Amino acid sequence: MERADLERMTATKLREYAMEKHPGIQGDSGMQKEDLIEAIIAEEVRLGLRPKEEKRAAPAAPKVGDLKAKVRALRADRDKALAGKDSKVLKVVRTKMKRLKRQITKLKKVS
């Protein structure tokens, strides 16, 4: 069974599946859904029923300088939209700028 199939199942169904197909999994009745999925996959890898999954690398966090450069580029687009009186483009550009500025603020708080 693929990971996507397991993720579509409810936690109750996953527990039943684990008890039926993989009795070697201990403590499945108290596990959360994500833990159950990982335990089932680990057990299937251990039994040789599936190849070992590669862990996906987390996406790199954007840097403040990169985000500020994007904001500067959007300011130029905003000025063009203002000059051309294009309200639809202006709204989109302002929304993007607002989201980037929020990201910048969050990154500064973490640092």
PDB file of N, CA and C in Angstrom:
ATOM      1  N   MET A   1       0.850  -1.165   0.000  1.00  0.00           N
ATOM      2  CA  MET A   1       0.000   0.000   0.000  1.00  0.00           C
ATOM      3  C   MET A   1       0.906   1.242   0.000  1.00  0.00           C
ATOM      4  N   GLU A   2       0.596   2.183  -0.861  1.00  0.00           N
ATOM      5  CA  GLU A   2       1.405   3.395  -0.988  1.00  0.00           C
ATOM      6  C   GLU A   2       1.157   4.345   0.173  1.00  0.00           C
ATOM      7  N   ARG A   3       2.094   5.269   0.369  1.00  0.00           N
ATOM      8  CA  ARG A   3       1.977   6.262   1.445  1.00  0.00           C
ATOM      9  C   ARG A   3       0.704   7.088   1.277  1.00  0.00           C
ATOM     10  N   ALA A   4       0.390   7.473   0.048  1.00  0.00           N
ATOM     11  CA  ALA A   4      -0.807   8.282  -0.198  1.00  0.00           C
ATOM     12  C   ALA A   4      -2.074   7.529   0.227  1.00  0.00           C
ATOM     13  N   ASP A   5      -2.090   6.227  -0.012  1.00  0.00           N
ATOM     14  CA  ASP A   5      -3.244   5.422   0.415  1.00  0.00           C
ATOM     15  C   ASP A   5      -3.351   5.397   1.935  1.00  0.00           C
ATOM     16  N   LEU A   6      -2.219   5.271   2.595  1.00  0.00           N
ATOM     17  CA  LEU A   6      -2.226   5.262   4.056  1.00  0.00           C
ATOM     18  C   LEU A   6      -2.685   6.609   4.605  1.00  0.00           C
ATOM     19  N   GLU A   7      -2.259   7.690   3.984  1.00  0.00           N
ATOM     20  CA  GLU A   7      -2.632   9.014   4.466  1.00  0.00           C
ATOM     21  C   GLU A   7      -4.119   9.302   4.284  1.00  0.00           C
ATOM     22  N   ARG A   8      -4.755   8.648   3.320  1.00  0.00           N
ATOM     23  CA  ARG A   8      -6.192   8.843   3.107  1.00  0.00           C
ATOM     24  C   ARG A   8      -7.037   8.098   4.133  1.00  0.00           C
ATOM     25  N   MET A   9      -6.441   7.102   4.783  1.00  0.00           N
ATOM     26  CA  MET A   9      -7.179   6.302   5.758  1.00  0.00           C
ATOM     27  C   MET A   9      -7.317   7.073   7.072  1.00  0.00           C
ATOM     28  N   THR A  10      -8.376   6.745   7.808  1.00  0.00           N
ATOM     29  CA  THR A  10      -8.548   7.354   9.127  1.00  0.00           C
ATOM     30  C   THR A  10      -7.622   6.647  10.114  1.00  0.00           C
ATOM     31  N   ALA A  11      -7.423   7.264  11.267  1.00  0.00           N
ATOM     32  CA  ALA A  11      -6.551   6.678  12.277  1.00  0.00           C
ATOM     33  C   ALA A  11      -7.091   5.316  12.742  1.00  0.00           C
ATOM     34  N   THR A  12      -8.397   5.204  12.848  1.00  0.00           N
ATOM     35  CA  THR A  12      -9.007   3.946  13.268  1.00  0.00           C
ATOM     36  C   THR A  12      -8.733   2.845  12.256  1.00  0.00           C
ATOM     37  N   LYS A  13      -8.897   3.159  10.975  1.00  0.00           N
ATOM     38  CA  LYS A  13      -8.635   2.178   9.916  1.00  0.00           C
ATOM     39  C   LYS A  13      -7.156   1.806   9.889  1.00  0.00           C
ATOM     40  N   LEU A  14      -6.286   2.804  10.129  1.00  0.00           N
ATOM     41  CA  LEU A  14      -4.850   2.518  10.166  1.00  0.00           C
ATOM     42  C   LEU A  14      -4.509   1.568  11.309  1.00  0.00           C
ATOM     43  N   ARG A  15      -5.141   1.753  12.467  1.00  0.00           N
ATOM     44  CA  ARG A  15      -4.893   0.864  13.600  1.00  0.00           C
ATOM     45  C   ARG A  15      -5.332  -0.562  13.265  1.00  0.00           C
ATOM     46  N   GLU A  16      -6.513  -0.682  12.640  1.00  0.00           N
ATOM     47  CA  GLU A  16      -7.001  -2.005  12.245  1.00  0.00           C
ATOM     48  C   GLU A  16      -6.056  -2.641  11.235  1.00  0.00           C
ATOM     49  N   TYR A  17      -5.602  -1.868  10.272  1.00  0.00           N
ATOM     50  CA  TYR A  17      -4.670  -2.367   9.251  1.00  0.00           C
ATOM     51  C   TYR A  17      -3.360  -2.816   9.909  1.00  0.00           C
ATOM     52  N   ALA A  18      -2.856  -2.012  10.849  1.00  0.00           N
ATOM     53  CA  ALA A  18      -1.600  -2.343  11.516  1.00  0.00           C
ATOM     54  C   ALA A  18      -1.741  -3.632  12.321  1.00  0.00           C
ATOM     55  N   MET A  19      -2.863  -3.781  13.039  1.00  0.00           N
ATOM     56  CA  MET A  19      -3.070  -4.985  13.843  1.00  0.00           C
ATOM     57  C   MET A  19      -3.224  -6.226  12.963  1.00  0.00           C
ATOM     58  N   GLU A  20      -3.893  -6.056  11.828  1.00  0.00           N
ATOM     59  CA  GLU A  20      -4.154  -7.189  10.942  1.00  0.00           C
ATOM     60  C   GLU A  20      -2.911  -7.595  10.148  1.00  0.00           C
ATOM     61  N   LYS A  21      -2.259  -6.638   9.512  1.00  0.00           N
ATOM     62  CA  LYS A  21      -1.163  -6.943   8.595  1.00  0.00           C
ATOM     63  C   LYS A  21       0.210  -6.944   9.264  1.00  0.00           C
ATOM     64  N   HIS A  22       0.377  -6.152  10.312  1.00  0.00           N
ATOM     65  CA  HIS A  22       1.695  -5.998  10.945  1.00  0.00           C
ATOM     66  C   HIS A  22       1.582  -6.115  12.457  1.00  0.00           C
ATOM     67  N   PRO A  23       1.403  -7.340  12.962  1.00  0.00           N
ATOM     68  CA  PRO A  23       1.275  -7.502  14.412  1.00  0.00           C
ATOM     69  C   PRO A  23       2.565  -7.164  15.164  1.00  0.00           C
ATOM     70  N   GLY A  24       3.671  -6.989  14.466  1.00  0.00           N
ATOM     71  CA  GLY A  24       4.937  -6.651  15.109  1.00  0.00           C
ATOM     72  C   GLY A  24       5.006  -5.216  15.589  1.00  0.00           C
ATOM     73  N   ILE A  25       4.068  -4.388  15.176  1.00  0.00           N
ATOM     74  CA  ILE A  25       4.060  -2.988  15.607  1.00  0.00           C
ATOM     75  C   ILE A  25       3.485  -2.922  17.011  1.00  0.00           C
ATOM     76  N   GLN A  26       4.282  -2.419  17.928  1.00  0.00           N
ATOM     77  CA  GLN A  26       3.861  -2.326  19.322  1.00  0.00           C
ATOM     78  C   GLN A  26       3.329  -0.929  19.623  1.00  0.00           C
ATOM     79  N   GLY A  27       2.292  -0.844  20.426  1.00  0.00           N
ATOM     80  CA  GLY A  27       1.761   0.440  20.873  1.00  0.00           C
ATOM     81  C   GLY A  27       0.946   1.181  19.840  1.00  0.00           C
ATOM     82  N   ASP A  28       0.436   0.469  18.851  1.00  0.00           N
ATOM     83  CA  ASP A  28      -0.319   1.132  17.786  1.00  0.00           C
ATOM     84  C   ASP A  28      -1.633   1.726  18.276  1.00  0.00           C
ATOM     85  N   SER A  29      -2.165   1.216  19.360  1.00  0.00           N
ATOM     86  CA  SER A  29      -3.444   1.743  19.842  1.00  0.00           C
ATOM     87  C   SER A  29      -3.316   3.152  20.411  1.00  0.00           C
ATOM     88  N   GLY A  30      -2.125   3.548  20.813  1.00  0.00           N
ATOM     89  CA  GLY A  30      -1.935   4.881  21.377  1.00  0.00           C
ATOM     90  C   GLY A  30      -1.260   5.857  20.441  1.00  0.00           C
ATOM     91  N   MET A  31      -0.976   5.434  19.210  1.00  0.00           N
ATOM     92  CA  MET A  31      -0.252   6.293  18.273  1.00  0.00           C
ATOM     93  C   MET A  31      -1.170   7.263  17.553  1.00  0.00           C
ATOM     94  N   GLN A  32      -0.609   8.406  17.207  1.00  0.00           N
ATOM     95  CA  GLN A  32      -1.297   9.361  16.349  1.00  0.00           C
ATOM     96  C   GLN A  32      -1.218   8.846  14.908  1.00  0.00           C
ATOM     97  N   LYS A  33      -2.016   9.438  14.032  1.00  0.00           N
ATOM     98  CA  LYS A  33      -2.095   8.982  12.644  1.00  0.00           C
ATOM     99  C   LYS A  33      -0.734   9.034  11.956  1.00  0.00           C
ATOM    100  N   GLU A  34       0.009  10.149  12.115  1.00  0.00           N
ATOM    101  CA  GLU A  34       1.304  10.288  11.452  1.00  0.00           C
ATOM    102  C   GLU A  34       2.289   9.233  11.959  1.00  0.00           C
ATOM    103  N   ASP A  35       2.241   8.971  13.272  1.00  0.00           N
ATOM    104  CA  ASP A  35       3.126   7.968  13.851  1.00  0.00           C
ATOM    105  C   ASP A  35       2.773   6.570  13.350  1.00  0.00           C
ATOM    106  N   LEU A  36       1.479   6.302  13.206  1.00  0.00           N
ATOM    107  CA  LEU A  36       1.041   5.013  12.670  1.00  0.00           C
ATOM    108  C   LEU A  36       1.543   4.798  11.253  1.00  0.00           C
ATOM    109  N   ILE A  37       1.426   5.824  10.426  1.00  0.00           N
ATOM    110  CA  ILE A  37       1.880   5.718   9.039  1.00  0.00           C
ATOM    111  C   ILE A  37       3.373   5.422   9.006  1.00  0.00           C
ATOM    112  N   GLU A  38       4.139   6.154   9.812  1.00  0.00           N
ATOM    113  CA  GLU A  38       5.589   5.931   9.848  1.00  0.00           C
ATOM    114  C   GLU A  38       5.924   4.537  10.350  1.00  0.00           C
ATOM    115  N   ALA A  39       5.186   4.063  11.360  1.00  0.00           N
ATOM    116  CA  ALA A  39       5.438   2.730  11.907  1.00  0.00           C
ATOM    117  C   ALA A  39       5.117   1.645  10.880  1.00  0.00           C
ATOM    118  N   ILE A  40       4.025   1.806  10.166  1.00  0.00           N
ATOM    119  CA  ILE A  40       3.643   0.828   9.137  1.00  0.00           C
ATOM    120  C   ILE A  40       4.695   0.791   8.038  1.00  0.00           C
ATOM    121  N   ILE A  41       5.127   1.953   7.585  1.00  0.00           N
ATOM    122  CA  ILE A  41       6.138   2.011   6.531  1.00  0.00           C
ATOM    123  C   ILE A  41       7.449   1.404   7.018  1.00  0.00           C
ATOM    124  N   ALA A  42       7.850   1.724   8.249  1.00  0.00           N
ATOM    125  CA  ALA A  42       9.085   1.173   8.800  1.00  0.00           C
ATOM    126  C   ALA A  42       9.009  -0.348   8.897  1.00  0.00           C
ATOM    127  N   GLU A  43       7.858  -0.861   9.304  1.00  0.00           N
ATOM    128  CA  GLU A  43       7.689  -2.309   9.409  1.00  0.00           C
ATOM    129  C   GLU A  43       7.749  -2.962   8.033  1.00  0.00           C
ATOM    130  N   GLU A  44       7.124  -2.341   7.028  1.00  0.00           N
ATOM    131  CA  GLU A  44       7.162  -2.889   5.672  1.00  0.00           C
ATOM    132  C   GLU A  44       8.572  -2.849   5.101  1.00  0.00           C
ATOM    133  N   VAL A  45       9.330  -1.813   5.418  1.00  0.00           N
ATOM    134  CA  VAL A  45      10.725  -1.742   4.976  1.00  0.00           C
ATOM    135  C   VAL A  45      11.520  -2.844   5.660  1.00  0.00           C
ATOM    136  N   ARG A  46      11.283  -3.031   6.957  1.00  0.00           N
ATOM    137  CA  ARG A  46      12.000  -4.054   7.707  1.00  0.00           C
ATOM    138  C   ARG A  46      11.715  -5.452   7.162  1.00  0.00           C
ATOM    139  N   LEU A  47      10.473  -5.686   6.746  1.00  0.00           N
ATOM    140  CA  LEU A  47      10.087  -6.984   6.199  1.00  0.00           C
ATOM    141  C   LEU A  47      10.467  -7.140   4.733  1.00  0.00           C
ATOM    142  N   GLY A  48      10.919  -6.071   4.111  1.00  0.00           N
ATOM    143  CA  GLY A  48      11.308  -6.122   2.702  1.00  0.00           C
ATOM    144  C   GLY A  48      10.141  -5.991   1.747  1.00  0.00           C
ATOM    145  N   LEU A  49       9.009  -5.508   2.221  1.00  0.00           N
ATOM    146  CA  LEU A  49       7.831  -5.358   1.378  1.00  0.00           C
ATOM    147  C   LEU A  49       7.836  -4.066   0.578  1.00  0.00           C
ATOM    148  N   ARG A  50       8.692  -3.139   0.955  1.00  0.00           N
ATOM    149  CA  ARG A  50       8.779  -1.864   0.235  1.00  0.00           C
ATOM    150  C   ARG A  50      10.210  -1.370   0.341  1.00  0.00           C
ATOM    151  N   PRO A  51      10.642  -0.614  -0.696  1.00  0.00           N
ATOM    152  CA  PRO A  51      11.990  -0.050  -0.630  1.00  0.00           C
ATOM    153  C   PRO A  51      12.039   1.078   0.393  1.00  0.00           C
ATOM    154  N   LYS A  52      13.225   1.321   0.899  1.00  0.00           N
ATOM    155  CA  LYS A  52      13.392   2.379   1.884  1.00  0.00           C
ATOM    156  C   LYS A  52      13.131   3.722   1.226  1.00  0.00           C
ATOM    157  N   GLU A  53      12.319   4.550   1.903  1.00  0.00           N
ATOM    158  CA  GLU A  53      11.987   5.867   1.360  1.00  0.00           C
ATOM    159  C   GLU A  53      13.101   6.850   1.649  1.00  0.00           C
ATOM    160  N   GLU A  54      13.341   7.706   0.694  1.00  0.00           N
ATOM    161  CA  GLU A  54      14.300   8.776   0.890  1.00  0.00           C
ATOM    162  C   GLU A  54      13.621   9.889   1.656  1.00  0.00           C
ATOM    163  N   LYS A  55      14.292  10.404   2.671  1.00  0.00           N
ATOM    164  CA  LYS A  55      13.715  11.527   3.403  1.00  0.00           C
ATOM    165  C   LYS A  55      13.872  12.778   2.565  1.00  0.00           C
ATOM    166  N   ARG A  56      12.793  13.528   2.494  1.00  0.00           N
ATOM    167  CA  ARG A  56      12.816  14.767   1.726  1.00  0.00           C
ATOM    168  C   ARG A  56      13.470  15.852   2.554  1.00  0.00           C
ATOM    169  N   ALA A  57      14.350  16.587   1.901  1.00  0.00           N
ATOM    170  CA  ALA A  57      15.002  17.691   2.592  1.00  0.00           C
ATOM    171  C   ALA A  57      14.010  18.835   2.738  1.00  0.00           C
ATOM    172  N   ALA A  58      14.046  19.475   3.867  1.00  0.00           N
ATOM    173  CA  ALA A  58      13.161  20.611   4.095  1.00  0.00           C
ATOM    174  C   ALA A  58      13.591  21.765   3.198  1.00  0.00           C
ATOM    175  N   PRO A  59      12.643  22.491   2.648  1.00  0.00           N
ATOM    176  CA  PRO A  59      13.025  23.613   1.798  1.00  0.00           C
ATOM    177  C   PRO A  59      13.799  24.643   2.617  1.00  0.00           C
ATOM    178  N   ALA A  60      14.800  25.227   1.967  1.00  0.00           N
ATOM    179  CA  ALA A  60      15.626  26.213   2.663  1.00  0.00           C
ATOM    180  C   ALA A  60      14.796  27.453   2.970  1.00  0.00           C
ATOM    181  N   ALA A  61      15.017  27.998   4.145  1.00  0.00           N
ATOM    182  CA  ALA A  61      14.293  29.202   4.542  1.00  0.00           C
ATOM    183  C   ALA A  61      14.794  30.384   3.719  1.00  0.00           C
ATOM    184  N   PRO A  62      13.881  31.222   3.261  1.00  0.00           N
ATOM    185  CA  PRO A  62      14.316  32.384   2.487  1.00  0.00           C
ATOM    186  C   PRO A  62      15.095  33.351   3.365  1.00  0.00           C
ATOM    187  N   LYS A  63      15.992  34.086   2.750  1.00  0.00           N
ATOM    188  CA  LYS A  63      16.788  35.056   3.494  1.00  0.00           C
ATOM    189  C   LYS A  63      16.117  36.416   3.396  1.00  0.00           C
ATOM    190  N   VAL A  64      16.317  37.223   4.421  1.00  0.00           N
ATOM    191  CA  VAL A  64      15.692  38.540   4.494  1.00  0.00           C
ATOM    192  C   VAL A  64      16.105  39.394   3.297  1.00  0.00           C
ATOM    193  N   GLY A  65      17.367  39.337   2.926  1.00  0.00           N
ATOM    194  CA  GLY A  65      17.850  40.133   1.800  1.00  0.00           C
ATOM    195  C   GLY A  65      17.165  39.779   0.494  1.00  0.00           C
ATOM    196  N   ASP A  66      16.928  38.470   0.287  1.00  0.00           N
ATOM    197  CA  ASP A  66      16.233  38.020  -0.928  1.00  0.00           C
ATOM    198  C   ASP A  66      14.797  38.521  -0.945  1.00  0.00           C
ATOM    199  N   LEU A  67      14.154  38.458   0.209  1.00  0.00           N
ATOM    200  CA  LEU A  67      12.764  38.913   0.293  1.00  0.00           C
ATOM    201  C   LEU A  67      12.669  40.421   0.060  1.00  0.00           C
ATOM    202  N   LYS A  68      13.625  41.163   0.603  1.00  0.00           N
ATOM    203  CA  LYS A  68      13.617  42.613   0.408  1.00  0.00           C
ATOM    204  C   LYS A  68      13.826  42.965  -1.060  1.00  0.00           C
ATOM    205  N   ALA A  69      14.657  42.202  -1.750  1.00  0.00           N
ATOM    206  CA  ALA A  69      14.874  42.440  -3.179  1.00  0.00           C
ATOM    207  C   ALA A  69      13.576  42.212  -3.956  1.00  0.00           C
ATOM    208  N   LYS A  70      12.818  41.202  -3.569  1.00  0.00           N
ATOM    209  CA  LYS A  70      11.535  40.944  -4.220  1.00  0.00           C
ATOM    210  C   LYS A  70      10.556  42.094  -3.968  1.00  0.00           C
ATOM    211  N   VAL A  71      10.573  42.622  -2.744  1.00  0.00           N
ATOM    212  CA  VAL A  71       9.691  43.750  -2.420  1.00  0.00           C
ATOM    213  C   VAL A  71      10.058  44.955  -3.282  1.00  0.00           C
ATOM    214  N   ARG A  72      11.367  45.206  -3.436  1.00  0.00           N
ATOM    215  CA  ARG A  72      11.792  46.340  -4.272  1.00  0.00           C
ATOM    216  C   ARG A  72      11.322  46.170  -5.722  1.00  0.00           C
ATOM    217  N   ALA A  73      11.408  44.937  -6.236  1.00  0.00           N
ATOM    218  CA  ALA A  73      10.947  44.679  -7.600  1.00  0.00           C
ATOM    219  C   ALA A  73       9.432  44.891  -7.703  1.00  0.00           C
ATOM    220  N   LEU A  74       8.715  44.489  -6.684  1.00  0.00           N
ATOM    221  CA  LEU A  74       7.265  44.663  -6.694  1.00  0.00           C
ATOM    222  C   LEU A  74       6.874  46.140  -6.590  1.00  0.00           C
ATOM    223  N   ARG A  75       7.705  46.934  -5.913  1.00  0.00           N
ATOM    224  CA  ARG A  75       7.418  48.362  -5.837  1.00  0.00           C
ATOM    225  C   ARG A  75       7.425  48.990  -7.234  1.00  0.00           C
ATOM    226  N   ALA A  76       8.356  48.550  -8.080  1.00  0.00           N
ATOM    227  CA  ALA A  76       8.405  49.057  -9.450  1.00  0.00           C
ATOM    228  C   ALA A  76       7.121  48.663 -10.198  1.00  0.00           C
ATOM    229  N   ASP A  77       6.695  47.422 -10.000  1.00  0.00           N
ATOM    230  CA  ASP A  77       5.448  46.973 -10.625  1.00  0.00           C
ATOM    231  C   ASP A  77       4.251  47.761 -10.093  1.00  0.00           C
ATOM    232  N   ARG A  78       4.266  48.058  -8.798  1.00  0.00           N
ATOM    233  CA  ARG A  78       3.190  48.842  -8.192  1.00  0.00           C
ATOM    234  C   ARG A  78       3.127  50.240  -8.801  1.00  0.00           C
ATOM    235  N   ASP A  79       4.293  50.858  -8.979  1.00  0.00           N
ATOM    236  CA  ASP A  79       4.334  52.195  -9.569  1.00  0.00           C
ATOM    237  C   ASP A  79       3.788  52.193 -10.997  1.00  0.00           C
ATOM    238  N   LYS A  80       4.110  51.153 -11.764  1.00  0.00           N
ATOM    239  CA  LYS A  80       3.590  51.035 -13.126  1.00  0.00           C
ATOM    240  C   LYS A  80       2.070  50.876 -13.116  1.00  0.00           C
ATOM    241  N   ALA A  81       1.572  50.075 -12.184  1.00  0.00           N
ATOM    242  CA  ALA A  81       0.131  49.852 -12.093  1.00  0.00           C
ATOM    243  C   ALA A  81      -0.587  51.134 -11.672  1.00  0.00           C
ATOM    244  N   LEU A  82       0.035  51.889 -10.768  1.00  0.00           N
ATOM    245  CA  LEU A  82      -0.552  53.160 -10.360  1.00  0.00           C
ATOM    246  C   LEU A  82      -0.596  54.146 -11.530  1.00  0.00           C
ATOM    247  N   ALA A  83       0.489  54.197 -12.287  1.00  0.00           N
ATOM    248  CA  ALA A  83       0.553  55.112 -13.421  1.00  0.00           C
ATOM    249  C   ALA A  83      -0.461  54.721 -14.500  1.00  0.00           C
ATOM    250  N   GLY A  84      -0.625  53.418 -14.699  1.00  0.00           N
ATOM    251  CA  GLY A  84      -1.555  52.936 -15.709  1.00  0.00           C
ATOM    252  C   GLY A  84      -2.977  52.805 -15.202  1.00  0.00           C
ATOM    253  N   LYS A  85      -3.204  53.078 -13.921  1.00  0.00           N
ATOM    254  CA  LYS A  85      -4.519  52.984 -13.286  1.00  0.00           C
ATOM    255  C   LYS A  85      -5.146  51.599 -13.471  1.00  0.00           C
ATOM    256  N   ASP A  86      -4.300  50.576 -13.301  1.00  0.00           N
ATOM    257  CA  ASP A  86      -4.738  49.191 -13.432  1.00  0.00           C
ATOM    258  C   ASP A  86      -4.993  48.629 -12.027  1.00  0.00           C
ATOM    259  N   SER A  87      -6.241  48.668 -11.589  1.00  0.00           N
ATOM    260  CA  SER A  87      -6.564  48.317 -10.210  1.00  0.00           C
ATOM    261  C   SER A  87      -6.388  46.826  -9.918  1.00  0.00           C
ATOM    262  N   LYS A  88      -6.629  45.963 -10.896  1.00  0.00           N
ATOM    263  CA  LYS A  88      -6.490  44.524 -10.669  1.00  0.00           C
ATOM    264  C   LYS A  88      -5.033  44.151 -10.418  1.00  0.00           C
ATOM    265  N   VAL A  89      -4.146  44.665 -11.255  1.00  0.00           N
ATOM    266  CA  VAL A  89      -2.719  44.384 -11.089  1.00  0.00           C
ATOM    267  C   VAL A  89      -2.227  45.005  -9.784  1.00  0.00           C
ATOM    268  N   LEU A  90      -2.700  46.197  -9.486  1.00  0.00           N
ATOM    269  CA  LEU A  90      -2.303  46.894  -8.278  1.00  0.00           C
ATOM    270  C   LEU A  90      -2.664  46.081  -7.030  1.00  0.00           C
ATOM    271  N   LYS A  91      -3.845  45.508  -7.008  1.00  0.00           N
ATOM    272  CA  LYS A  91      -4.281  44.706  -5.872  1.00  0.00           C
ATOM    273  C   LYS A  91      -3.397  43.468  -5.700  1.00  0.00           C
ATOM    274  N   VAL A  92      -3.089  42.804  -6.812  1.00  0.00           N
ATOM    275  CA  VAL A  92      -2.247  41.603  -6.759  1.00  0.00           C
ATOM    276  C   VAL A  92      -0.848  41.951  -6.243  1.00  0.00           C
ATOM    277  N   VAL A  93      -0.282  43.039  -6.767  1.00  0.00           N
ATOM    278  CA  VAL A  93       1.069  43.431  -6.377  1.00  0.00           C
ATOM    279  C   VAL A  93       1.106  43.823  -4.902  1.00  0.00           C
ATOM    280  N   ARG A  94       0.122  44.558  -4.454  1.00  0.00           N
ATOM    281  CA  ARG A  94       0.086  44.967  -3.047  1.00  0.00           C
ATOM    282  C   ARG A  94      -0.061  43.765  -2.120  1.00  0.00           C
ATOM    283  N   THR A  95      -0.854  42.792  -2.539  1.00  0.00           N
ATOM    284  CA  THR A  95      -1.022  41.583  -1.735  1.00  0.00           C
ATOM    285  C   THR A  95       0.296  40.825  -1.628  1.00  0.00           C
ATOM    286  N   LYS A  96       1.006  40.693  -2.748  1.00  0.00           N
ATOM    287  CA  LYS A  96       2.302  40.013  -2.727  1.00  0.00           C
ATOM    288  C   LYS A  96       3.295  40.750  -1.838  1.00  0.00           C
ATOM    289  N   MET A  97       3.292  42.075  -1.922  1.00  0.00           N
ATOM    290  CA  MET A  97       4.200  42.869  -1.086  1.00  0.00           C
ATOM    291  C   MET A  97       3.874  42.666   0.392  1.00  0.00           C
ATOM    292  N   LYS A  98       2.597  42.639   0.706  1.00  0.00           N
ATOM    293  CA  LYS A  98       2.169  42.476   2.094  1.00  0.00           C
ATOM    294  C   LYS A  98       2.623  41.123   2.643  1.00  0.00           C
ATOM    295  N   ARG A  99       2.466  40.070   1.840  1.00  0.00           N
ATOM    296  CA  ARG A  99       2.883  38.737   2.272  1.00  0.00           C
ATOM    297  C   ARG A  99       4.389  38.666   2.481  1.00  0.00           C
ATOM    298  N   LEU A 100       5.144  39.262   1.570  1.00  0.00           N
ATOM    299  CA  LEU A 100       6.597  39.263   1.708  1.00  0.00           C
ATOM    300  C   LEU A 100       7.030  40.024   2.959  1.00  0.00           C
ATOM    301  N   LYS A 101       6.386  41.159   3.207  1.00  0.00           N
ATOM    302  CA  LYS A 101       6.737  41.940   4.391  1.00  0.00           C
ATOM    303  C   LYS A 101       6.422  41.164   5.674  1.00  0.00           C
ATOM    304  N   ARG A 102       5.352  40.400   5.668  1.00  0.00           N
ATOM    305  CA  ARG A 102       5.030  39.577   6.829  1.00  0.00           C
ATOM    306  C   ARG A 102       6.093  38.506   7.037  1.00  0.00           C
ATOM    307  N   GLN A 103       6.548  37.911   5.937  1.00  0.00           N
ATOM    308  CA  GLN A 103       7.613  36.910   6.031  1.00  0.00           C
ATOM    309  C   GLN A 103       8.889  37.516   6.615  1.00  0.00           C
ATOM    310  N   ILE A 104       9.209  38.715   6.151  1.00  0.00           N
ATOM    311  CA  ILE A 104      10.405  39.408   6.636  1.00  0.00           C
ATOM    312  C   ILE A 104      10.293  39.638   8.144  1.00  0.00           C
ATOM    313  N   THR A 105       9.126  40.094   8.586  1.00  0.00           N
ATOM    314  CA  THR A 105       8.909  40.342  10.008  1.00  0.00           C
ATOM    315  C   THR A 105       9.067  39.066  10.815  1.00  0.00           C
ATOM    316  N   LYS A 106       8.500  37.967  10.332  1.00  0.00           N
ATOM    317  CA  LYS A 106       8.607  36.691  11.040  1.00  0.00           C
ATOM    318  C   LYS A 106      10.054  36.227  11.114  1.00  0.00           C
ATOM    319  N   LEU A 107      10.792  36.377  10.018  1.00  0.00           N
ATOM    320  CA  LEU A 107      12.195  35.974  10.021  1.00  0.00           C
ATOM    321  C   LEU A 107      13.024  36.806  10.980  1.00  0.00           C
ATOM    322  N   LYS A 108      12.705  38.085  11.077  1.00  0.00           N
ATOM    323  CA  LYS A 108      13.444  38.947  11.996  1.00  0.00           C
ATOM    324  C   LYS A 108      13.154  38.595  13.445  1.00  0.00           C
ATOM    325  N   LYS A 109      11.921  38.169  13.740  1.00  0.00           N
ATOM    326  CA  LYS A 109      11.574  37.786  15.109  1.00  0.00           C
ATOM    327  C   LYS A 109      12.304  36.516  15.523  1.00  0.00           C
ATOM    328  N   VAL A 110      12.458  35.602  14.588  1.00  0.00           N
ATOM    329  CA  VAL A 110      13.122  34.321  14.878  1.00  0.00           C
ATOM    330  C   VAL A 110      14.615  34.532  15.114  1.00  0.00           C
ATOM    331  N   SER A 111      15.203  35.444  14.370  1.00  0.00           N
ATOM    332  CA  SER A 111      16.651  35.663  14.474  1.00  0.00           C
ATOM    333  C   SER A 111      17.068  36.267  15.760  1.00  0.00           C
TER     334      SER A 111
END
